[in-house]
Amino acid sequence: MPDRPTAPPRAWQRMLSGRRLDLLDPSPLDVEIADIAHGLARVARWNGQTIGSHAFSVAQHTLLVDRIIDTTVPDMAASGHVAVMLHDAPEYVIGDLISPFKVLLGGRYREIEQRLLDAIHLRFGVKTPITAKLKARIKAGDRMAAYFEATTLAGFAASEAAKFFGRPRGLSGVDLDLDPWPAEVAEQRFLERFATLTEMTDQSRESRT
């Protein structure tokens, strides 16, 4: 008897909202901010190799990056901060792989990550692709956050962290909360900040019409 055709492997994940997000062909209609917040609050930065009673989550990292950019780029519009809040959003599906492992995986990983990010941006009205200027600002904030996380939580010496992430500037005297939060706290604070920013963005758009 001829062999039966092999069914393609499942490439979607079921979310708690009930959505099914296809990793190969993600639809903005299957993206929900509640799923993103829930997932990111439970994904650990640094593969969980951080001090504290709780993992330092990607959700808390995102809020740290947002706080840093709010300080270093005080004139950034709320719409820009929405993009900041979503910069690591694909990790609610594919996890937070450490940079050395991403290098080993190569371009295929980047393609999947970008496809997910594009769908997320479309879902929340972020212009895609984001401008080079905004991308650079997010990257700078991300590297500053990584420096503080590395030295405060992940056991890096200041000199070692500076080598990989650069030394942060423009944050003298700024209080940055690096005490890892419980997942429920990170999730709620992420949702609250995102709601505030999207409301501000909507109001700004209405004022221009």
N, C-alpha and C. Protein backbone atom coordinates (compact mmCIF):
# COMPACT_ATOMS: atom_id res chain seq x y z
N MET A 1 0.85 -1.20 0.00
CA MET A 1 0.00 0.00 0.00
C MET A 1 0.88 1.25 0.00
N PRO A 2 0.45 2.25 -0.75
CA PRO A 2 1.24 3.48 -0.77
C PRO A 2 1.21 4.17 0.59
N ASP A 3 2.30 4.83 0.88
CA ASP A 3 2.37 5.56 2.15
C ASP A 3 1.39 6.72 2.14
N ARG A 4 0.75 6.93 3.27
CA ARG A 4 -0.12 8.08 3.40
C ARG A 4 0.71 9.35 3.48
N PRO A 5 0.22 10.44 2.86
CA PRO A 5 0.98 11.69 2.95
C PRO A 5 1.10 12.15 4.39
N THR A 6 2.26 12.63 4.72
CA THR A 6 2.50 13.11 6.09
C THR A 6 1.88 14.49 6.28
N ALA A 7 1.10 14.63 7.34
CA ALA A 7 0.48 15.93 7.62
C ALA A 7 1.55 16.93 8.03
N PRO A 8 1.40 18.16 7.58
CA PRO A 8 2.40 19.18 7.98
C PRO A 8 2.38 19.39 9.49
N PRO A 9 3.51 19.67 10.07
CA PRO A 9 3.55 19.88 11.52
C PRO A 9 2.75 21.10 11.93
N ARG A 10 2.22 21.07 13.14
CA ARG A 10 1.46 22.21 13.65
C ARG A 10 2.38 23.39 13.82
N ALA A 11 1.99 24.54 13.27
CA ALA A 11 2.82 25.75 13.35
C ALA A 11 2.09 26.88 14.05
N TRP A 12 1.05 26.57 14.78
CA TRP A 12 0.31 27.61 15.50
C TRP A 12 0.31 27.31 17.00
N GLN A 13 0.10 28.37 17.76
CA GLN A 13 -0.04 28.22 19.21
C GLN A 13 -1.39 28.76 19.63
N ARG A 14 -2.05 28.02 20.49
CA ARG A 14 -3.32 28.48 21.07
C ARG A 14 -3.01 29.40 22.25
N MET A 15 -3.65 30.55 22.25
CA MET A 15 -3.49 31.52 23.33
C MET A 15 -4.63 31.38 24.34
N LEU A 16 -4.44 31.94 25.51
CA LEU A 16 -5.49 31.87 26.53
C LEU A 16 -6.75 32.63 26.11
N SER A 17 -6.59 33.59 25.20
CA SER A 17 -7.75 34.31 24.68
C SER A 17 -8.59 33.43 23.77
N GLY A 18 -8.04 32.28 23.35
CA GLY A 18 -8.70 31.41 22.41
C GLY A 18 -8.18 31.56 20.99
N ARG A 19 -7.35 32.59 20.76
CA ARG A 19 -6.78 32.81 19.44
C ARG A 19 -5.77 31.72 19.10
N ARG A 20 -5.65 31.44 17.80
CA ARG A 20 -4.59 30.56 17.31
C ARG A 20 -3.66 31.40 16.45
N LEU A 21 -2.44 31.57 16.90
CA LEU A 21 -1.48 32.39 16.17
C LEU A 21 -0.54 31.49 15.37
N ASP A 22 -0.58 31.65 14.06
CA ASP A 22 0.26 30.86 13.16
C ASP A 22 1.64 31.51 13.07
N LEU A 23 2.66 30.78 13.44
CA LEU A 23 4.02 31.34 13.43
C LEU A 23 4.54 31.57 12.01
N LEU A 24 4.06 30.78 11.06
CA LEU A 24 4.54 30.92 9.69
C LEU A 24 3.81 32.01 8.93
N ASP A 25 2.55 32.22 9.27
CA ASP A 25 1.74 33.24 8.60
C ASP A 25 0.87 33.95 9.62
N PRO A 26 1.48 34.72 10.53
CA PRO A 26 0.71 35.33 11.62
C PRO A 26 -0.25 36.40 11.12
N SER A 27 -1.47 36.37 11.62
CA SER A 27 -2.47 37.36 11.25
C SER A 27 -2.64 38.37 12.39
N PRO A 28 -2.71 39.66 12.07
CA PRO A 28 -2.97 40.66 13.11
C PRO A 28 -4.27 40.40 13.86
N LEU A 29 -5.22 39.73 13.22
CA LEU A 29 -6.50 39.44 13.85
C LEU A 29 -6.38 38.43 14.99
N ASP A 30 -5.26 37.72 15.03
CA ASP A 30 -5.05 36.73 16.09
C ASP A 30 -4.13 37.25 17.19
N VAL A 31 -3.85 38.54 17.17
CA VAL A 31 -2.97 39.16 18.17
C VAL A 31 -3.80 39.93 19.19
N GLU A 32 -3.61 39.64 20.46
CA GLU A 32 -4.32 40.33 21.55
C GLU A 32 -3.30 40.82 22.56
N ILE A 33 -3.48 42.04 23.03
CA ILE A 33 -2.52 42.61 23.99
C ILE A 33 -2.54 41.83 25.31
N ALA A 34 -3.69 41.27 25.68
CA ALA A 34 -3.75 40.49 26.92
C ALA A 34 -2.86 39.25 26.83
N ASP A 35 -2.83 38.62 25.65
CA ASP A 35 -1.96 37.45 25.46
C ASP A 35 -0.49 37.87 25.51
N ILE A 36 -0.18 38.99 24.88
CA ILE A 36 1.20 39.48 24.88
C ILE A 36 1.67 39.76 26.30
N ALA A 37 0.86 40.51 27.05
CA ALA A 37 1.24 40.86 28.41
C ALA A 37 1.39 39.62 29.29
N HIS A 38 0.45 38.68 29.15
CA HIS A 38 0.51 37.46 29.95
C HIS A 38 1.77 36.66 29.64
N GLY A 39 2.07 36.53 28.35
CA GLY A 39 3.24 35.76 27.96
C GLY A 39 4.54 36.42 28.36
N LEU A 40 4.68 37.72 28.06
CA LEU A 40 5.94 38.41 28.37
C LEU A 40 6.22 38.47 29.86
N ALA A 41 5.16 38.50 30.67
CA ALA A 41 5.35 38.54 32.13
C ALA A 41 5.87 37.21 32.67
N ARG A 42 5.84 36.18 31.82
CA ARG A 42 6.28 34.85 32.25
C ARG A 42 7.48 34.34 31.46
N VAL A 43 8.04 35.20 30.61
CA VAL A 43 9.27 34.87 29.89
C VAL A 43 10.43 35.54 30.61
N ALA A 44 11.45 34.77 30.97
CA ALA A 44 12.56 35.28 31.76
C ALA A 44 13.66 35.85 30.87
N ARG A 45 14.15 37.01 31.25
CA ARG A 45 15.36 37.55 30.64
C ARG A 45 16.57 36.74 31.15
N TRP A 46 17.64 36.74 30.37
CA TRP A 46 18.91 36.13 30.76
C TRP A 46 18.77 34.64 31.06
N ASN A 47 17.81 33.99 30.40
CA ASN A 47 17.56 32.56 30.63
C ASN A 47 17.29 32.25 32.11
N GLY A 48 16.80 33.26 32.83
CA GLY A 48 16.49 33.05 34.24
C GLY A 48 17.70 33.12 35.16
N GLN A 49 18.88 33.41 34.60
CA GLN A 49 20.09 33.46 35.42
C GLN A 49 20.24 34.84 36.05
N THR A 50 19.30 35.18 36.92
CA THR A 50 19.30 36.46 37.61
C THR A 50 18.99 36.24 39.08
N ILE A 51 19.41 37.19 39.89
CA ILE A 51 19.15 37.10 41.32
C ILE A 51 17.71 37.52 41.62
N GLY A 52 17.23 37.14 42.80
CA GLY A 52 15.90 37.55 43.22
C GLY A 52 14.96 36.36 43.32
N SER A 53 13.85 36.59 43.99
CA SER A 53 12.86 35.54 44.21
C SER A 53 12.03 35.25 42.97
N HIS A 54 12.04 36.20 42.01
CA HIS A 54 11.28 36.04 40.78
C HIS A 54 12.21 36.23 39.58
N ALA A 55 11.82 35.69 38.46
CA ALA A 55 12.54 35.95 37.22
C ALA A 55 12.35 37.41 36.83
N PHE A 56 13.36 37.99 36.19
CA PHE A 56 13.21 39.33 35.64
C PHE A 56 12.59 39.15 34.25
N SER A 57 11.33 39.49 34.13
CA SER A 57 10.57 39.13 32.93
C SER A 57 10.80 40.11 31.78
N VAL A 58 10.45 39.66 30.59
CA VAL A 58 10.51 40.52 29.42
C VAL A 58 9.52 41.67 29.56
N ALA A 59 8.40 41.44 30.22
CA ALA A 59 7.44 42.53 30.44
C ALA A 59 8.07 43.63 31.29
N GLN A 60 8.75 43.25 32.37
CA GLN A 60 9.41 44.25 33.21
C GLN A 60 10.54 44.92 32.47
N HIS A 61 11.30 44.15 31.69
CA HIS A 61 12.35 44.73 30.85
C HIS A 61 11.78 45.77 29.90
N THR A 62 10.65 45.45 29.29
CA THR A 62 10.02 46.39 28.35
C THR A 62 9.67 47.70 29.04
N LEU A 63 9.13 47.61 30.23
CA LEU A 63 8.79 48.82 30.98
C LEU A 63 10.04 49.58 31.39
N LEU A 64 11.12 48.87 31.65
CA LEU A 64 12.40 49.52 31.96
C LEU A 64 12.91 50.29 30.74
N VAL A 65 12.87 49.67 29.57
CA VAL A 65 13.28 50.35 28.34
C VAL A 65 12.42 51.58 28.11
N ASP A 66 11.12 51.44 28.30
CA ASP A 66 10.20 52.57 28.12
C ASP A 66 10.54 53.71 29.08
N ARG A 67 10.86 53.37 30.33
CA ARG A 67 11.23 54.39 31.32
C ARG A 67 12.53 55.09 30.91
N ILE A 68 13.50 54.34 30.45
CA ILE A 68 14.77 54.92 30.03
C ILE A 68 14.57 55.86 28.85
N ILE A 69 13.80 55.44 27.87
CA ILE A 69 13.57 56.28 26.69
C ILE A 69 12.74 57.50 27.05
N ASP A 70 11.81 57.34 27.97
CA ASP A 70 11.01 58.49 28.41
C ASP A 70 11.91 59.55 29.04
N THR A 71 13.01 59.12 29.66
CA THR A 71 13.95 60.03 30.29
C THR A 71 14.93 60.63 29.29
N THR A 72 15.46 59.78 28.41
CA THR A 72 16.50 60.23 27.49
C THR A 72 15.94 60.91 26.23
N VAL A 73 14.69 60.60 25.90
CA VAL A 73 14.03 61.22 24.74
C VAL A 73 12.68 61.76 25.21
N PRO A 74 12.69 62.83 26.01
CA PRO A 74 11.45 63.30 26.64
C PRO A 74 10.39 63.81 25.68
N ASP A 75 10.78 64.11 24.44
CA ASP A 75 9.81 64.61 23.48
C ASP A 75 9.22 63.53 22.58
N MET A 76 9.50 62.27 22.88
CA MET A 76 8.95 61.21 22.04
C MET A 76 7.44 61.15 22.17
N ALA A 77 6.74 61.02 21.05
CA ALA A 77 5.29 60.93 21.04
C ALA A 77 4.82 59.60 21.62
N ALA A 78 3.57 59.59 22.08
CA ALA A 78 3.01 58.36 22.64
C ALA A 78 3.04 57.22 21.63
N SER A 79 2.84 57.54 20.36
CA SER A 79 2.87 56.50 19.32
C SER A 79 4.24 55.83 19.26
N GLY A 80 5.30 56.61 19.49
CA GLY A 80 6.64 56.02 19.54
C GLY A 80 6.79 55.09 20.72
N HIS A 81 6.21 55.48 21.85
CA HIS A 81 6.29 54.62 23.03
C HIS A 81 5.50 53.33 22.86
N VAL A 82 4.43 53.37 22.05
CA VAL A 82 3.72 52.13 21.75
C VAL A 82 4.66 51.15 21.04
N ALA A 83 5.45 51.68 20.10
CA ALA A 83 6.44 50.84 19.41
C ALA A 83 7.47 50.31 20.40
N VAL A 84 7.86 51.14 21.36
CA VAL A 84 8.80 50.70 22.41
C VAL A 84 8.21 49.52 23.18
N MET A 85 6.95 49.64 23.56
CA MET A 85 6.29 48.60 24.34
C MET A 85 6.17 47.28 23.58
N LEU A 86 6.22 47.36 22.26
CA LEU A 86 6.05 46.16 21.45
C LEU A 86 7.36 45.62 20.89
N HIS A 87 8.49 46.25 21.26
CA HIS A 87 9.74 45.89 20.57
C HIS A 87 10.16 44.44 20.80
N ASP A 88 9.79 43.86 21.92
CA ASP A 88 10.09 42.46 22.19
C ASP A 88 8.83 41.59 22.20
N ALA A 89 7.73 42.11 21.68
CA ALA A 89 6.45 41.40 21.76
C ALA A 89 6.47 40.01 21.12
N PRO A 90 7.22 39.77 20.02
CA PRO A 90 7.22 38.41 19.47
C PRO A 90 7.65 37.35 20.48
N GLU A 91 8.34 37.76 21.52
CA GLU A 91 8.84 36.79 22.50
C GLU A 91 7.72 36.16 23.32
N TYR A 92 6.50 36.71 23.24
CA TYR A 92 5.40 36.04 23.92
C TYR A 92 5.05 34.73 23.23
N VAL A 93 5.54 34.54 22.02
CA VAL A 93 5.32 33.31 21.26
C VAL A 93 6.59 32.47 21.18
N ILE A 94 7.71 33.12 20.88
CA ILE A 94 8.95 32.37 20.59
C ILE A 94 9.96 32.42 21.73
N GLY A 95 9.63 33.09 22.82
CA GLY A 95 10.54 33.14 23.96
C GLY A 95 11.66 34.14 23.76
N ASP A 96 12.43 34.35 24.81
CA ASP A 96 13.55 35.29 24.78
C ASP A 96 14.85 34.49 24.69
N LEU A 97 15.33 34.29 23.47
CA LEU A 97 16.59 33.58 23.30
C LEU A 97 17.75 34.54 23.55
N ILE A 98 18.77 34.08 24.24
CA ILE A 98 19.93 34.92 24.48
C ILE A 98 20.64 35.19 23.15
N SER A 99 21.29 36.34 23.07
CA SER A 99 21.90 36.79 21.81
C SER A 99 22.86 35.77 21.21
N PRO A 100 23.72 35.11 22.00
CA PRO A 100 24.64 34.12 21.39
C PRO A 100 23.90 32.99 20.66
N PHE A 101 22.75 32.58 21.20
CA PHE A 101 21.99 31.50 20.57
C PHE A 101 21.32 31.99 19.29
N LYS A 102 20.86 33.25 19.28
CA LYS A 102 20.27 33.82 18.07
C LYS A 102 21.28 33.82 16.93
N VAL A 103 22.53 34.13 17.27
CA VAL A 103 23.59 34.13 16.25
C VAL A 103 23.76 32.74 15.66
N LEU A 104 23.69 31.72 16.50
CA LEU A 104 23.86 30.35 16.03
C LEU A 104 22.70 29.91 15.14
N LEU A 105 21.48 30.40 15.44
CA LEU A 105 20.31 30.02 14.65
C LEU A 105 20.31 30.68 13.28
N GLY A 106 20.86 31.89 13.20
CA GLY A 106 20.98 32.56 11.91
C GLY A 106 19.72 33.25 11.44
N GLY A 107 19.62 33.44 10.11
CA GLY A 107 18.59 34.28 9.52
C GLY A 107 17.17 33.78 9.65
N ARG A 108 16.98 32.46 9.70
CA ARG A 108 15.62 31.92 9.77
C ARG A 108 14.89 32.42 11.01
N TYR A 109 15.60 32.45 12.13
CA TYR A 109 14.99 32.95 13.37
C TYR A 109 14.56 34.40 13.19
N ARG A 110 15.42 35.22 12.60
CA ARG A 110 15.12 36.63 12.40
C ARG A 110 13.90 36.83 11.51
N GLU A 111 13.77 35.97 10.51
CA GLU A 111 12.62 36.06 9.60
C GLU A 111 11.31 35.82 10.35
N ILE A 112 11.29 34.79 11.17
CA ILE A 112 10.08 34.47 11.94
C ILE A 112 9.77 35.58 12.93
N GLU A 113 10.79 36.07 13.61
CA GLU A 113 10.63 37.15 14.58
C GLU A 113 10.07 38.40 13.91
N GLN A 114 10.62 38.77 12.75
CA GLN A 114 10.17 39.97 12.05
C GLN A 114 8.75 39.82 11.54
N ARG A 115 8.40 38.63 11.05
CA ARG A 115 7.04 38.38 10.57
C ARG A 115 6.03 38.56 11.71
N LEU A 116 6.37 38.06 12.87
CA LEU A 116 5.50 38.23 14.03
C LEU A 116 5.39 39.69 14.43
N LEU A 117 6.52 40.39 14.44
CA LEU A 117 6.51 41.80 14.83
C LEU A 117 5.69 42.63 13.85
N ASP A 118 5.79 42.33 12.56
CA ASP A 118 5.00 43.06 11.57
C ASP A 118 3.50 42.88 11.83
N ALA A 119 3.09 41.66 12.14
CA ALA A 119 1.67 41.40 12.43
C ALA A 119 1.22 42.14 13.68
N ILE A 120 2.10 42.16 14.70
CA ILE A 120 1.77 42.86 15.94
C ILE A 120 1.67 44.35 15.69
N HIS A 121 2.59 44.91 14.92
CA HIS A 121 2.54 46.33 14.60
C HIS A 121 1.24 46.68 13.86
N LEU A 122 0.87 45.87 12.89
CA LEU A 122 -0.37 46.11 12.15
C LEU A 122 -1.58 46.08 13.08
N ARG A 123 -1.56 45.14 14.03
CA ARG A 123 -2.70 45.02 14.96
C ARG A 123 -2.90 46.28 15.78
N PHE A 124 -1.81 46.94 16.14
CA PHE A 124 -1.92 48.09 17.04
C PHE A 124 -1.59 49.42 16.38
N GLY A 125 -1.61 49.44 15.06
CA GLY A 125 -1.51 50.69 14.33
C GLY A 125 -0.14 51.33 14.30
N VAL A 126 0.91 50.53 14.50
CA VAL A 126 2.27 51.05 14.41
C VAL A 126 2.71 51.00 12.95
N LYS A 127 3.20 52.12 12.44
CA LYS A 127 3.63 52.16 11.05
C LYS A 127 4.81 51.20 10.85
N THR A 128 4.66 50.35 9.83
CA THR A 128 5.67 49.33 9.54
C THR A 128 6.25 49.53 8.16
N PRO A 129 7.59 49.52 8.02
CA PRO A 129 8.57 49.39 9.11
C PRO A 129 8.68 50.70 9.89
N ILE A 130 9.11 50.60 11.14
CA ILE A 130 9.31 51.82 11.91
C ILE A 130 10.50 52.58 11.34
N THR A 131 10.56 53.87 11.60
CA THR A 131 11.63 54.69 11.04
C THR A 131 12.98 54.28 11.62
N ALA A 132 14.02 54.57 10.87
CA ALA A 132 15.38 54.26 11.33
C ALA A 132 15.68 55.00 12.62
N LYS A 133 15.17 56.23 12.74
CA LYS A 133 15.41 57.04 13.94
C LYS A 133 14.79 56.38 15.17
N LEU A 134 13.53 55.95 15.03
CA LEU A 134 12.85 55.31 16.15
C LEU A 134 13.50 53.97 16.48
N LYS A 135 13.88 53.23 15.47
CA LYS A 135 14.55 51.95 15.69
C LYS A 135 15.85 52.15 16.46
N ALA A 136 16.60 53.19 16.12
CA ALA A 136 17.87 53.47 16.80
C ALA A 136 17.63 53.86 18.26
N ARG A 137 16.56 54.63 18.50
CA ARG A 137 16.25 55.03 19.87
C ARG A 137 15.85 53.82 20.72
N ILE A 138 15.07 52.93 20.14
CA ILE A 138 14.68 51.72 20.87
C ILE A 138 15.90 50.86 21.16
N LYS A 139 16.78 50.73 20.18
CA LYS A 139 17.98 49.94 20.37
C LYS A 139 18.86 50.53 21.46
N ALA A 140 18.99 51.86 21.48
CA ALA A 140 19.81 52.51 22.51
C ALA A 140 19.22 52.27 23.89
N GLY A 141 17.90 52.41 24.02
CA GLY A 141 17.24 52.16 25.30
C GLY A 141 17.36 50.72 25.73
N ASP A 142 17.28 49.82 24.77
CA ASP A 142 17.40 48.39 25.05
C ASP A 142 18.79 48.05 25.58
N ARG A 143 19.81 48.65 24.98
CA ARG A 143 21.18 48.39 25.41
C ARG A 143 21.45 48.98 26.80
N MET A 144 20.88 50.15 27.07
CA MET A 144 21.03 50.72 28.42
C MET A 144 20.39 49.81 29.46
N ALA A 145 19.18 49.33 29.15
CA ALA A 145 18.48 48.43 30.06
C ALA A 145 19.30 47.16 30.28
N ALA A 146 19.88 46.63 29.19
CA ALA A 146 20.68 45.41 29.30
C ALA A 146 21.89 45.63 30.21
N TYR A 147 22.50 46.82 30.13
CA TYR A 147 23.66 47.12 30.99
C TYR A 147 23.25 47.06 32.46
N PHE A 148 22.14 47.72 32.80
CA PHE A 148 21.71 47.75 34.20
C PHE A 148 21.27 46.37 34.67
N GLU A 149 20.58 45.64 33.83
CA GLU A 149 20.17 44.28 34.19
C GLU A 149 21.39 43.39 34.39
N ALA A 150 22.35 43.51 33.47
CA ALA A 150 23.54 42.66 33.54
C ALA A 150 24.33 42.90 34.83
N THR A 151 24.51 44.16 35.19
CA THR A 151 25.34 44.48 36.36
C THR A 151 24.59 44.33 37.68
N THR A 152 23.29 44.54 37.67
CA THR A 152 22.51 44.48 38.90
C THR A 152 21.98 43.09 39.19
N LEU A 153 21.64 42.34 38.12
CA LEU A 153 20.92 41.08 38.31
C LEU A 153 21.66 39.84 37.80
N ALA A 154 22.49 40.00 36.77
CA ALA A 154 23.00 38.83 36.07
C ALA A 154 24.49 38.55 36.30
N GLY A 155 25.10 39.24 37.26
CA GLY A 155 26.45 38.90 37.66
C GLY A 155 27.57 39.44 36.80
N PHE A 156 27.28 40.39 35.90
CA PHE A 156 28.32 40.97 35.06
C PHE A 156 29.08 42.05 35.83
N ALA A 157 30.38 42.11 35.65
CA ALA A 157 31.15 43.25 36.12
C ALA A 157 30.82 44.45 35.24
N ALA A 158 30.98 45.65 35.79
CA ALA A 158 30.66 46.85 35.02
C ALA A 158 31.48 46.93 33.73
N SER A 159 32.76 46.56 33.82
CA SER A 159 33.62 46.62 32.64
C SER A 159 33.17 45.64 31.57
N GLU A 160 32.73 44.48 32.00
CA GLU A 160 32.26 43.46 31.05
C GLU A 160 30.97 43.90 30.38
N ALA A 161 30.04 44.43 31.17
CA ALA A 161 28.78 44.90 30.61
C ALA A 161 29.00 46.06 29.65
N ALA A 162 29.93 46.94 30.00
CA ALA A 162 30.23 48.08 29.13
C ALA A 162 30.78 47.61 27.79
N LYS A 163 31.54 46.54 27.80
CA LYS A 163 32.11 45.99 26.57
C LYS A 163 31.02 45.53 25.62
N PHE A 164 29.98 44.91 26.16
CA PHE A 164 28.93 44.34 25.32
C PHE A 164 27.79 45.32 25.03
N PHE A 165 27.49 46.20 25.98
CA PHE A 165 26.29 47.04 25.85
C PHE A 165 26.58 48.54 25.84
N GLY A 166 27.83 48.93 26.14
CA GLY A 166 28.15 50.35 26.27
C GLY A 166 27.75 50.87 27.64
N ARG A 167 28.32 52.01 28.02
CA ARG A 167 27.97 52.62 29.31
C ARG A 167 26.82 53.60 29.13
N PRO A 168 25.75 53.44 29.91
CA PRO A 168 24.60 54.33 29.77
C PRO A 168 24.96 55.77 30.12
N ARG A 169 24.36 56.69 29.39
CA ARG A 169 24.54 58.12 29.65
C ARG A 169 23.17 58.79 29.70
N GLY A 170 23.12 59.89 30.46
CA GLY A 170 21.90 60.67 30.53
C GLY A 170 20.89 60.18 31.52
N LEU A 171 21.30 59.29 32.44
CA LEU A 171 20.35 58.73 33.41
C LEU A 171 20.78 58.99 34.85
N SER A 172 21.65 59.94 35.05
CA SER A 172 22.12 60.24 36.40
C SER A 172 20.96 60.66 37.29
N GLY A 173 20.83 60.00 38.43
CA GLY A 173 19.80 60.34 39.39
C GLY A 173 18.43 59.77 39.10
N VAL A 174 18.29 59.02 38.02
CA VAL A 174 16.99 58.44 37.66
C VAL A 174 16.80 57.13 38.41
N ASP A 175 15.65 56.97 39.04
CA ASP A 175 15.35 55.77 39.80
C ASP A 175 14.82 54.69 38.85
N LEU A 176 15.57 53.62 38.68
CA LEU A 176 15.17 52.51 37.82
C LEU A 176 14.89 51.30 38.70
N ASP A 177 13.67 50.79 38.64
CA ASP A 177 13.27 49.67 39.48
C ASP A 177 13.75 48.36 38.86
N LEU A 178 14.77 47.77 39.46
CA LEU A 178 15.34 46.52 38.95
C LEU A 178 15.06 45.34 39.88
N ASP A 179 14.21 45.54 40.86
CA ASP A 179 13.81 44.44 41.73
C ASP A 179 12.78 43.60 40.98
N PRO A 180 13.08 42.34 40.67
CA PRO A 180 12.16 41.53 39.86
C PRO A 180 10.77 41.43 40.48
N TRP A 181 9.76 41.64 39.64
CA TRP A 181 8.37 41.61 40.09
C TRP A 181 7.77 40.22 39.89
N PRO A 182 6.76 39.87 40.68
CA PRO A 182 5.97 38.67 40.37
C PRO A 182 5.31 38.82 39.00
N ALA A 183 5.05 37.71 38.35
CA ALA A 183 4.49 37.74 37.00
C ALA A 183 3.19 38.53 36.92
N GLU A 184 2.34 38.37 37.94
CA GLU A 184 1.05 39.06 37.91
C GLU A 184 1.22 40.58 37.95
N VAL A 185 2.22 41.04 38.70
CA VAL A 185 2.48 42.48 38.80
C VAL A 185 3.02 43.00 37.47
N ALA A 186 3.97 42.28 36.89
CA ALA A 186 4.54 42.70 35.61
C ALA A 186 3.47 42.75 34.53
N GLU A 187 2.60 41.76 34.51
CA GLU A 187 1.52 41.71 33.51
C GLU A 187 0.59 42.91 33.65
N GLN A 188 0.17 43.20 34.89
CA GLN A 188 -0.77 44.29 35.11
C GLN A 188 -0.14 45.65 34.78
N ARG A 189 1.10 45.85 35.18
CA ARG A 189 1.75 47.14 34.90
C ARG A 189 1.99 47.32 33.40
N PHE A 190 2.30 46.23 32.72
CA PHE A 190 2.46 46.30 31.26
C PHE A 190 1.14 46.72 30.62
N LEU A 191 0.05 46.09 31.01
CA LEU A 191 -1.26 46.41 30.44
C LEU A 191 -1.67 47.85 30.74
N GLU A 192 -1.40 48.30 31.95
CA GLU A 192 -1.76 49.67 32.32
C GLU A 192 -0.99 50.70 31.50
N ARG A 193 0.30 50.50 31.35
CA ARG A 193 1.11 51.43 30.57
C ARG A 193 0.69 51.41 29.11
N PHE A 194 0.43 50.23 28.57
CA PHE A 194 0.03 50.14 27.17
C PHE A 194 -1.32 50.83 26.95
N ALA A 195 -2.25 50.66 27.86
CA ALA A 195 -3.56 51.30 27.74
C ALA A 195 -3.42 52.82 27.78
N THR A 196 -2.57 53.33 28.66
CA THR A 196 -2.34 54.77 28.75
C THR A 196 -1.78 55.31 27.44
N LEU A 197 -0.80 54.61 26.89
CA LEU A 197 -0.16 55.08 25.66
C LEU A 197 -1.09 55.02 24.46
N THR A 198 -1.87 53.96 24.35
CA THR A 198 -2.78 53.86 23.22
C THR A 198 -3.89 54.91 23.32
N GLU A 199 -4.33 55.22 24.54
CA GLU A 199 -5.33 56.28 24.71
C GLU A 199 -4.75 57.63 24.31
N MET A 200 -3.51 57.90 24.71
CA MET A 200 -2.86 59.15 24.33
C MET A 200 -2.66 59.23 22.82
N THR A 201 -2.31 58.11 22.20
CA THR A 201 -2.13 58.08 20.75
C THR A 201 -3.45 58.36 20.04
N ASP A 202 -4.53 57.75 20.50
CA ASP A 202 -5.85 57.97 19.89
C ASP A 202 -6.27 59.43 20.03
N GLN A 203 -6.03 60.02 21.19
CA GLN A 203 -6.39 61.41 21.40
C GLN A 203 -5.60 62.33 20.49
N SER A 204 -4.31 62.01 20.30
CA SER A 204 -3.47 62.81 19.42
C SER A 204 -3.96 62.74 17.97
N ARG A 205 -4.37 61.57 17.54
CA ARG A 205 -4.88 61.40 16.17
C ARG A 205 -6.19 62.17 16.00
N GLU A 206 -7.05 62.11 16.99
CA GLU A 206 -8.34 62.81 16.92
C GLU A 206 -8.14 64.33 16.85
N SER A 207 -7.12 64.83 17.56
CA SER A 207 -6.87 66.27 17.58
C SER A 207 -6.37 66.79 16.25
N ARG A 208 -5.82 65.88 15.42
CA ARG A 208 -5.31 66.28 14.12
C ARG A 208 -6.35 66.18 13.01
N THR A 209 -7.52 65.63 13.35
CA THR A 209 -8.57 65.47 12.33
C THR A 209 -9.64 66.53 12.47
